[in-house]
Structures are given as C-alpha cells and as structure tokens.
Amino acid sequence: MSVSYAFILMLLGCSLVTAIPRMLPFLVMRNMNISEPILKWLSYIPICIFSALIIESFMTNGAGGFQIHWLELVAVIATLLISLLTRSLLWTVILGVAMMAILRLIL
C-alpha cells in the first residue's frame, strides 16, 4: 500500500478540522471566570443530553404521527430499575444491553 503526499495532507487537514472545534472552546474558556449560576446550569447539560438520547430511542414523531416503541420503553424502564438497585454504571450498561437483546430475541 502506497501513501501519497496528497493523502497525508488530506489526513492532516481532516485531523485539524476535527481537533479545532473540540479544543477551541477549552482554550477560550480556560481564562474566563464563569459565575456560579452558569456553572450550575452547565452541569445539567450532560444529563439533558443523555435523557434526550434515551427518550428519542423510544418516542418518535414522524410522518405517521407520535409513536411509542414499546419494546425499547420496556428495556428503558427495566434498565432504570437496574440502575436504581445496583447504583453501578457497569452493571446498568451490561444488564441494559442484555435486556434489550433478550427482548428483541423473544419478541
């Protein structure tokens, strides 16, 4: 396999385009003082994003209207119960994936 000079330039360009948007906010924000209410508000963003991803997996609003995917909803509820009982991210992920696989296999 030969690697051309243009391919290396393209690879470096793609790496820069990927890295700059990820690093630029950290570089800009590291010298700024952020007020406590803003920091508290920012702390909710990961929870909101995670909730949106989960809710989007079992609720859709498409051309056919609002739909609930009951199989995914059952897996989400079971995984939520597992997380409340175990309080372990590892067991929640493992048992959640296993729950979804079992439900898809059975139904």
Foldseek 3Di string as FASTA:
>chain_A
DDDDPVNVVVVVVVVCVVVCVVCVVVVVPVPDDDDPVVVVVVVCVVVVVVVVVLVCVAWDQDPVGIGGNVLSVVLVVVLVVVCVVPVDPVCSVVVSVVSSVVSVVVD
